[in-house]
C-alpha atoms as a PDB file:
ATOM      1  CA  MET A   1     -83.757-129.817 -64.924  1.00  0.00           C
ATOM      2  CA  GLU A   2     -84.122-126.227 -64.136  1.00  0.00           C
ATOM      3  CA  GLU A   3     -85.970-123.909 -66.337  1.00  0.00           C
ATOM      4  CA  THR A   4     -84.266-120.684 -67.289  1.00  0.00           C
ATOM      5  CA  THR A   5     -86.417-117.741 -67.959  1.00  0.00           C
ATOM      6  CA  LYS A   6     -85.419-115.348 -70.607  1.00  0.00           C
ATOM      7  CA  ALA A   7     -86.443-111.738 -70.623  1.00  0.00           C
ATOM      8  CA  PRO A   8     -88.614-110.674 -73.489  1.00  0.00           C
ATOM      9  CA  ALA A   9     -86.808-108.950 -76.337  1.00  0.00           C
ATOM     10  CA  ALA A  10     -88.760-105.728 -75.787  1.00  0.00           C
ATOM     11  CA  GLU A  11     -87.213-105.268 -72.365  1.00  0.00           C
ATOM     12  CA  LYS A  12     -83.687-105.694 -73.714  1.00  0.00           C
ATOM     13  CA  THR A  13     -84.072-102.885 -76.243  1.00  0.00           C
ATOM     14  CA  ALA A  14     -85.657-100.444 -73.787  1.00  0.00           C
ATOM     15  CA  VAL A  15     -83.543 -97.340 -73.250  1.00  0.00           C
ATOM     16  CA  LYS A  16     -82.498 -96.913 -69.685  1.00  0.00           C
ATOM     17  CA  GLU A  17     -83.098 -93.484 -68.241  1.00  0.00           C
ATOM     18  CA  LYS A  18     -79.777 -91.864 -67.282  1.00  0.00           C
ATOM     19  CA  LYS A  19     -79.475 -90.669 -63.747  1.00  0.00           C
ATOM     20  CA  PRO A  20     -77.517 -87.481 -63.076  1.00  0.00           C
ATOM     21  CA  LYS A  21     -74.019 -88.332 -61.993  1.00  0.00           C
ATOM     22  CA  LYS A  22     -73.048 -87.385 -58.502  1.00  0.00           C
ATOM     23  CA  PRO A  23     -69.628 -85.751 -58.330  1.00  0.00           C
ATOM     24  CA  LYS A  24     -66.967 -87.840 -56.749  1.00  0.00           C
ATOM     25  CA  PRO A  25     -66.018 -86.474 -53.339  1.00  0.00           C
ATOM     26  CA  GLU A  26     -62.410 -85.791 -54.431  1.00  0.00           C
ATOM     27  CA  TYR A  27     -63.570 -83.411 -57.185  1.00  0.00           C
ATOM     28  CA  ALA A  28     -65.156 -79.975 -56.810  1.00  0.00           C
ATOM     29  CA  THR A  29     -68.443 -79.029 -58.374  1.00  0.00           C
ATOM     30  CA  VAL A  30     -68.654 -76.045 -60.698  1.00  0.00           C
ATOM     31  CA  GLU A  31     -70.339 -74.082 -57.936  1.00  0.00           C
ATOM     32  CA  GLN A  32     -67.581 -74.926 -55.452  1.00  0.00           C
ATOM     33  CA  PHE A  33     -64.936 -74.026 -58.020  1.00  0.00           C
ATOM     34  CA  ASN A  34     -66.566 -70.628 -58.664  1.00  0.00           C
ATOM     35  CA  GLN A  35     -66.734 -69.944 -54.918  1.00  0.00           C
ATOM     36  CA  LEU A  36     -63.050 -70.772 -54.594  1.00  0.00           C
ATOM     37  CA  ALA A  37     -62.184 -68.507 -57.534  1.00  0.00           C
ATOM     38  CA  GLU A  38     -64.110 -65.611 -55.940  1.00  0.00           C
ATOM     39  CA  MET A  39     -62.311 -66.119 -52.625  1.00  0.00           C
ATOM     40  CA  LEU A  40     -58.906 -66.168 -54.323  1.00  0.00           C
ATOM     41  CA  THR A  41     -59.736 -63.015 -56.282  1.00  0.00           C
ATOM     42  CA  GLY A  42     -60.691 -61.269 -53.043  1.00  0.00           C
ATOM     43  CA  ILE A  43     -57.474 -62.358 -51.354  1.00  0.00           C
ATOM     44  CA  ALA A  44     -55.418 -61.166 -54.327  1.00  0.00           C
ATOM     45  CA  LYS A  45     -57.108 -57.738 -54.231  1.00  0.00           C
ATOM     46  CA  ARG A  46     -56.418 -57.373 -50.509  1.00  0.00           C
ATOM     47  CA  LEU A  47     -52.772 -58.361 -51.019  1.00  0.00           C
ATOM     48  CA  ASP A  48     -52.427 -55.806 -53.814  1.00  0.00           C
ATOM     49  CA  GLU A  49     -53.797 -53.119 -51.514  1.00  0.00           C
ATOM     50  CA  LYS A  50     -51.409 -54.083 -48.711  1.00  0.00           C
ATOM     51  CA  THR A  51     -48.349 -54.311 -50.948  1.00  0.00           C
ATOM     52  CA  ALA A  52     -49.045 -51.126 -52.916  1.00  0.00           C
ATOM     53  CA  PRO A  53     -46.012 -48.842 -52.805  1.00  0.00           C
ATOM     54  CA  VAL A  54     -46.192 -46.329 -49.991  1.00  0.00           C
ATOM     55  CA  LYS A  55     -46.067 -42.768 -51.190  1.00  0.00           C
ATOM     56  CA  ASP A  56     -43.220 -40.920 -49.530  1.00  0.00           C
ATOM     57  CA  GLU A  57     -43.409 -37.188 -48.979  1.00  0.00           C
ATOM     58  CA  ALA A  58     -40.196 -36.685 -50.913  1.00  0.00           C
ATOM     59  CA  ALA A  59     -40.744 -37.464 -54.569  1.00  0.00           C
ATOM     60  CA  PRO A  60     -38.102 -39.565 -56.288  1.00  0.00           C
ATOM     61  CA  ILE A  61     -35.615 -37.553 -58.256  1.00  0.00           C
ATOM     62  CA  SER A  62     -35.090 -38.760 -61.771  1.00  0.00           C
ATOM     63  CA  ASP A  63     -32.309 -38.054 -64.179  1.00  0.00           C
ATOM     64  CA  PRO A  64     -33.757 -37.625 -67.664  1.00  0.00           C
ATOM     65  CA  ALA A  65     -30.447 -38.645 -69.258  1.00  0.00           C
ATOM     66  CA  SER A  66     -30.382 -42.059 -67.613  1.00  0.00           C
ATOM     67  CA  ASP A  67     -34.096 -42.482 -66.885  1.00  0.00           C
ATOM     68  CA  VAL A  68     -33.253 -43.779 -63.397  1.00  0.00           C
ATOM     69  CA  ALA A  69     -35.376 -43.025 -60.326  1.00  0.00           C
ATOM     70  CA  TYR A  70     -33.452 -42.316 -57.156  1.00  0.00           C
ATOM     71  CA  THR A  71     -34.841 -43.428 -53.814  1.00  0.00           C
ATOM     72  CA  PRO A  72     -35.480 -40.664 -51.300  1.00  0.00           C
ATOM     73  CA  LEU A  73     -33.037 -40.742 -48.397  1.00  0.00           C
ATOM     74  CA  ASP A  74     -32.859 -39.526 -44.859  1.00  0.00           C
ATOM     75  CA  PRO A  75     -34.010 -35.885 -44.960  1.00  0.00           C
ATOM     76  CA  GLN A  76     -30.754 -34.801 -43.293  1.00  0.00           C
ATOM     77  CA  VAL A  77     -28.710 -36.292 -46.177  1.00  0.00           C
ATOM     78  CA  ARG A  78     -30.895 -34.487 -48.715  1.00  0.00           C
ATOM     79  CA  LYS A  79     -30.580 -31.247 -46.718  1.00  0.00           C
ATOM     80  CA  THR A  80     -26.767 -31.550 -46.640  1.00  0.00           C
ATOM     81  CA  VAL A  81     -26.597 -32.068 -50.411  1.00  0.00           C
ATOM     82  CA  ASP A  82     -28.997 -29.159 -51.037  1.00  0.00           C
ATOM     83  CA  GLU A  83     -27.018 -26.776 -48.795  1.00  0.00           C
ATOM     84  CA  ILE A  84     -23.596 -27.577 -50.224  1.00  0.00           C
ATOM     85  CA  LEU A  85     -24.296 -28.431 -53.872  1.00  0.00           C
ATOM     86  CA  GLY A  86     -27.845 -27.336 -54.665  1.00  0.00           C
ATOM     87  CA  LYS A  87     -31.332 -28.775 -54.982  1.00  0.00           C
ATOM     88  CA  ASP A  88     -30.785 -29.850 -58.580  1.00  0.00           C
ATOM     89  CA  PHE A  89     -28.228 -32.535 -57.599  1.00  0.00           C
ATOM     90  CA  GLY A  90     -29.555 -36.085 -57.316  1.00  0.00           C
ATOM     91  CA  VAL A  91     -28.791 -38.447 -54.450  1.00  0.00           C
ATOM     92  CA  GLU A  92     -28.997 -42.241 -54.426  1.00  0.00           C
ATOM     93  CA  LEU A  93     -28.184 -44.832 -51.785  1.00  0.00           C
ATOM     94  CA  ARG A  94     -27.191 -48.321 -52.871  1.00  0.00           C
ATOM     95  CA  TYR A  95     -25.323 -51.246 -51.379  1.00  0.00           C
ATOM     96  CA  ASN A  96     -22.307 -53.094 -52.772  1.00  0.00           C
ATOM     97  CA  ASN A  97     -21.677 -56.361 -50.890  1.00  0.00           C
ATOM     98  CA  GLY A  98     -23.422 -54.865 -47.853  1.00  0.00           C
ATOM     99  CA  VAL A  99     -21.392 -51.637 -47.910  1.00  0.00           C
ATOM    100  CA  PRO A 100     -23.520 -48.469 -48.247  1.00  0.00           C
ATOM    101  CA  ILE A 101     -22.570 -46.352 -51.259  1.00  0.00           C
ATOM    102  CA  ILE A 102     -23.912 -42.856 -51.833  1.00  0.00           C
ATOM    103  CA  ASP A 103     -24.103 -41.511 -55.366  1.00  0.00           C
ATOM    104  CA  ILE A 104     -24.320 -37.796 -56.068  1.00  0.00           C
ATOM    105  CA  VAL A 105     -25.715 -37.176 -59.548  1.00  0.00           C
ATOM    106  CA  VAL A 106     -24.372 -33.964 -61.026  1.00  0.00           C
ATOM    107  CA  PRO A 107     -26.735 -32.098 -63.378  1.00  0.00           C
ATOM    108  CA  LEU A 108     -25.383 -32.141 -66.920  1.00  0.00           C
ATOM    109  CA  ASP A 109     -25.312 -28.320 -67.115  1.00  0.00           C
ATOM    110  CA  LYS A 110     -23.018 -28.181 -64.059  1.00  0.00           C
ATOM    111  CA  SER A 111     -20.902 -31.222 -64.909  1.00  0.00           C
ATOM    112  CA  ASN A 112     -17.229 -30.835 -65.742  1.00  0.00           C
ATOM    113  CA  ALA A 113     -16.932 -34.398 -67.014  1.00  0.00           C
ATOM    114  CA  LYS A 114     -15.394 -34.845 -70.447  1.00  0.00           C
ATOM    115  CA  PRO A 115     -17.831 -35.183 -73.360  1.00  0.00           C
ATOM    116  CA  GLU A 116     -16.520 -38.685 -74.107  1.00  0.00           C
ATOM    117  CA  TYR A 117     -17.330 -39.778 -70.552  1.00  0.00           C
ATOM    118  CA  LEU A 118     -20.856 -38.319 -70.720  1.00  0.00           C
ATOM    119  CA  GLU A 119     -21.443 -39.879 -74.122  1.00  0.00           C
ATOM    120  CA  MET A 120     -20.620 -43.305 -72.721  1.00  0.00           C
ATOM    121  CA  HIS A 121     -22.244 -43.047 -69.258  1.00  0.00           C
ATOM    122  CA  LYS A 122     -25.043 -40.534 -70.023  1.00  0.00           C
ATOM    123  CA  VAL A 123     -24.803 -39.167 -66.466  1.00  0.00           C
ATOM    124  CA  ASP A 124     -22.156 -37.658 -64.173  1.00  0.00           C
ATOM    125  CA  ARG A 125     -22.347 -39.788 -61.032  1.00  0.00           C
ATOM    126  CA  ARG A 126     -19.945 -39.289 -58.113  1.00  0.00           C
ATOM    127  CA  SER A 127     -19.901 -42.290 -55.733  1.00  0.00           C
ATOM    128  CA  THR A 128     -18.311 -42.996 -52.363  1.00  0.00           C
ATOM    129  CA  SER A 129     -18.715 -45.363 -49.427  1.00  0.00           C
ATOM    130  CA  ILE A 130     -20.446 -43.983 -46.359  1.00  0.00           C
ATOM    131  CA  ALA A 131     -19.559 -46.954 -44.151  1.00  0.00           C
ATOM    132  CA  PRO A 132     -18.231 -46.273 -40.639  1.00  0.00           C
ATOM    133  CA  GLY A 133     -14.700 -44.904 -40.878  1.00  0.00           C
ATOM    134  CA  ALA A 134     -15.253 -43.605 -44.435  1.00  0.00           C
ATOM    135  CA  ARG A 135     -15.852 -39.990 -45.389  1.00  0.00           C
ATOM    136  CA  THR A 136     -19.149 -38.384 -44.469  1.00  0.00           C
ATOM    137  CA  VAL A 137     -21.797 -37.111 -46.871  1.00  0.00           C
ATOM    138  CA  LYS A 138     -20.824 -33.545 -45.984  1.00  0.00           C
ATOM    139  CA  GLU A 139     -17.131 -34.173 -46.764  1.00  0.00           C
ATOM    140  CA  TRP A 140     -18.053 -35.868 -50.060  1.00  0.00           C
ATOM    141  CA  CYS A 141     -20.282 -32.969 -51.123  1.00  0.00           C
ATOM    142  CA  GLN A 142     -17.529 -30.466 -50.300  1.00  0.00           C
ATOM    143  CA  MET A 143     -15.033 -32.473 -52.400  1.00  0.00           C
ATOM    144  CA  ILE A 144     -17.478 -32.569 -55.334  1.00  0.00           C
ATOM    145  CA  LYS A 145     -18.108 -28.824 -55.047  1.00  0.00           C
ATOM    146  CA  LYS A 146     -14.369 -28.134 -55.106  1.00  0.00           C
ATOM    147  CA  ASN A 147     -13.927 -30.444 -58.122  1.00  0.00           C
ATOM    148  CA  LEU A 148     -16.736 -28.741 -60.030  1.00  0.00           C
ATOM    149  CA  GLU A 149     -14.887 -25.416 -59.780  1.00  0.00           C
ATOM    150  CA  HIS A 150     -12.394 -26.789 -62.331  1.00  0.00           C
ATOM    151  CA  PRO A 151     -13.400 -26.278 -65.968  1.00  0.00           C
ATOM    152  CA  ARG A 152     -13.722 -29.131 -68.439  1.00  0.00           C
END
């Protein structure tokens, strides 16, 4: 018969010294995670700098009644509006189903819109299409000027 040797009881109760765990290769260490976070922060800062709005020479015109900012347009459009109507008229370009629409915003002190209309809309906006074949900005400004000669 074979003799089996048993370990002494003292060895069984001995506390094993814990070895530091090595990170599994599919997981990042804290140091690697911090490096990644720093790189991402740097990339985000550079993207913010690149995508910051470009300051245009022409400042946006805002209508205090509607609190809307109007995008600066081609300087020639602005010049046409200023010459025919005045510098205090706002201009906005927008698109409706791909069709360019120009809005002329009439200052409230020069508006001949009815009080009920202004109470509801808060602004006197005159809009028209400037697509090929439609009226030009100059023609539209002249029509608005003629309309504004009529009293309320």
